[in-house]
Amino acid sequence: MAQARTTGKIGRIVAWFFAVLAVLIAILVVIFLTFDWNRLRPWADDKVSEAITALRDHWRPESRLASPAQ
């Protein structure tokens, strides 16, 4: 009889866990679909500009016109 109670209790815990997980996923989906992504555009533009500037400052192309070492 104790085995049946334990199994039922574990089953309820697992059911609640998956129910809460499903609700959280549903909330995230609703937020994702209704969020105004244009609000992030200035932030994204700044980050991309910083990354491009950093790459341009550190990257030096090799000159193809340089004379070979003699």
C-alpha atoms as a PDB file:
ATOM      1  CA  MET A   1       0.000   0.000   0.000  1.00  0.00           C
ATOM      2  CA  ALA A   2       2.888   2.382   0.735  1.00  0.00           C
ATOM      3  CA  GLN A   3       4.252   1.673  -2.731  1.00  0.00           C
ATOM      4  CA  ALA A   4       1.030   2.910  -4.368  1.00  0.00           C
ATOM      5  CA  ARG A   5       1.091   6.176  -2.364  1.00  0.00           C
ATOM      6  CA  THR A   6       4.703   6.858  -3.272  1.00  0.00           C
ATOM      7  CA  THR A   7       4.076   6.174  -6.936  1.00  0.00           C
ATOM      8  CA  GLY A   8       1.016   8.434  -6.941  1.00  0.00           C
ATOM      9  CA  LYS A   9       2.899  11.211  -5.196  1.00  0.00           C
ATOM     10  CA  ILE A  10       5.793  10.999  -7.649  1.00  0.00           C
ATOM     11  CA  GLY A  11       3.327  10.991 -10.529  1.00  0.00           C
ATOM     12  CA  ARG A  12       1.693  14.187  -9.248  1.00  0.00           C
ATOM     13  CA  ILE A  13       5.066  15.851  -8.825  1.00  0.00           C
ATOM     14  CA  VAL A  14       6.081  14.911 -12.372  1.00  0.00           C
ATOM     15  CA  ALA A  15       2.725  16.099 -13.717  1.00  0.00           C
ATOM     16  CA  TRP A  16       3.077  19.468 -11.952  1.00  0.00           C
ATOM     17  CA  PHE A  17       6.641  19.826 -13.233  1.00  0.00           C
ATOM     18  CA  PHE A  18       5.577  19.312 -16.844  1.00  0.00           C
ATOM     19  CA  ALA A  19       2.528  21.550 -16.400  1.00  0.00           C
ATOM     20  CA  VAL A  20       4.678  24.404 -15.086  1.00  0.00           C
ATOM     21  CA  LEU A  21       7.223  23.801 -17.847  1.00  0.00           C
ATOM     22  CA  ALA A  22       4.490  23.946 -20.502  1.00  0.00           C
ATOM     23  CA  VAL A  23       3.114  27.198 -19.069  1.00  0.00           C
ATOM     24  CA  LEU A  24       6.577  28.785 -19.030  1.00  0.00           C
ATOM     25  CA  ILE A  25       7.207  27.743 -22.631  1.00  0.00           C
ATOM     26  CA  ALA A  26       3.823  29.150 -23.651  1.00  0.00           C
ATOM     27  CA  ILE A  27       4.635  32.473 -21.947  1.00  0.00           C
ATOM     28  CA  LEU A  28       7.991  32.664 -23.719  1.00  0.00           C
ATOM     29  CA  VAL A  29       6.373  31.946 -27.088  1.00  0.00           C
ATOM     30  CA  VAL A  30       3.764  34.669 -26.554  1.00  0.00           C
ATOM     31  CA  ILE A  31       6.450  37.188 -25.556  1.00  0.00           C
ATOM     32  CA  PHE A  32       8.611  36.208 -28.528  1.00  0.00           C
ATOM     33  CA  LEU A  33       5.752  36.567 -31.003  1.00  0.00           C
ATOM     34  CA  THR A  34       4.384  39.847 -29.641  1.00  0.00           C
ATOM     35  CA  PHE A  35       7.666  41.651 -28.892  1.00  0.00           C
ATOM     36  CA  ASP A  36       8.452  44.723 -31.005  1.00  0.00           C
ATOM     37  CA  TRP A  37      11.829  43.688 -32.405  1.00  0.00           C
ATOM     38  CA  ASN A  38      12.428  47.158 -33.864  1.00  0.00           C
ATOM     39  CA  ARG A  39      13.196  48.335 -30.323  1.00  0.00           C
ATOM     40  CA  LEU A  40      16.365  46.241 -30.430  1.00  0.00           C
ATOM     41  CA  ARG A  41      17.542  47.658 -33.746  1.00  0.00           C
ATOM     42  CA  PRO A  42      19.616  50.582 -32.327  1.00  0.00           C
ATOM     43  CA  TRP A  43      21.320  48.265 -29.845  1.00  0.00           C
ATOM     44  CA  ALA A  44      22.063  45.686 -32.554  1.00  0.00           C
ATOM     45  CA  ASP A  45      23.375  48.390 -34.905  1.00  0.00           C
ATOM     46  CA  ASP A  46      25.754  49.649 -32.222  1.00  0.00           C
ATOM     47  CA  LYS A  47      27.068  46.154 -31.495  1.00  0.00           C
ATOM     48  CA  VAL A  48      27.580  45.365 -35.192  1.00  0.00           C
ATOM     49  CA  SER A  49      29.341  48.696 -35.756  1.00  0.00           C
ATOM     50  CA  GLU A  50      31.661  48.039 -32.804  1.00  0.00           C
ATOM     51  CA  ALA A  51      32.474  44.571 -34.107  1.00  0.00           C
ATOM     52  CA  ILE A  52      33.190  45.816 -37.633  1.00  0.00           C
ATOM     53  CA  THR A  53      35.394  48.605 -36.291  1.00  0.00           C
ATOM     54  CA  ALA A  54      37.326  46.157 -34.114  1.00  0.00           C
ATOM     55  CA  LEU A  55      37.864  43.808 -37.059  1.00  0.00           C
ATOM     56  CA  ARG A  56      38.917  46.632 -39.363  1.00  0.00           C
ATOM     57  CA  ASP A  57      41.404  47.944 -36.790  1.00  0.00           C
ATOM     58  CA  HIS A  58      43.026  44.537 -36.212  1.00  0.00           C
ATOM     59  CA  TRP A  59      42.960  43.112 -39.716  1.00  0.00           C
ATOM     60  CA  ARG A  60      45.749  44.201 -42.046  1.00  0.00           C
ATOM     61  CA  PRO A  61      45.681  42.761 -45.543  1.00  0.00           C
ATOM     62  CA  GLU A  62      48.978  41.634 -46.967  1.00  0.00           C
ATOM     63  CA  SER A  63      50.216  43.750 -49.799  1.00  0.00           C
ATOM     64  CA  ARG A  64      50.309  41.825 -53.066  1.00  0.00           C
ATOM     65  CA  LEU A  65      52.556  44.432 -54.614  1.00  0.00           C
ATOM     66  CA  ALA A  66      55.361  43.981 -52.124  1.00  0.00           C
ATOM     67  CA  SER A  67      58.594  42.885 -53.694  1.00  0.00           C
ATOM     68  CA  PRO A  68      59.847  39.423 -52.740  1.00  0.00           C
ATOM     69  CA  ALA A  69      62.728  39.256 -50.283  1.00  0.00           C
ATOM     70  CA  GLN A  70      66.085  39.058 -51.994  1.00  0.00           C
END
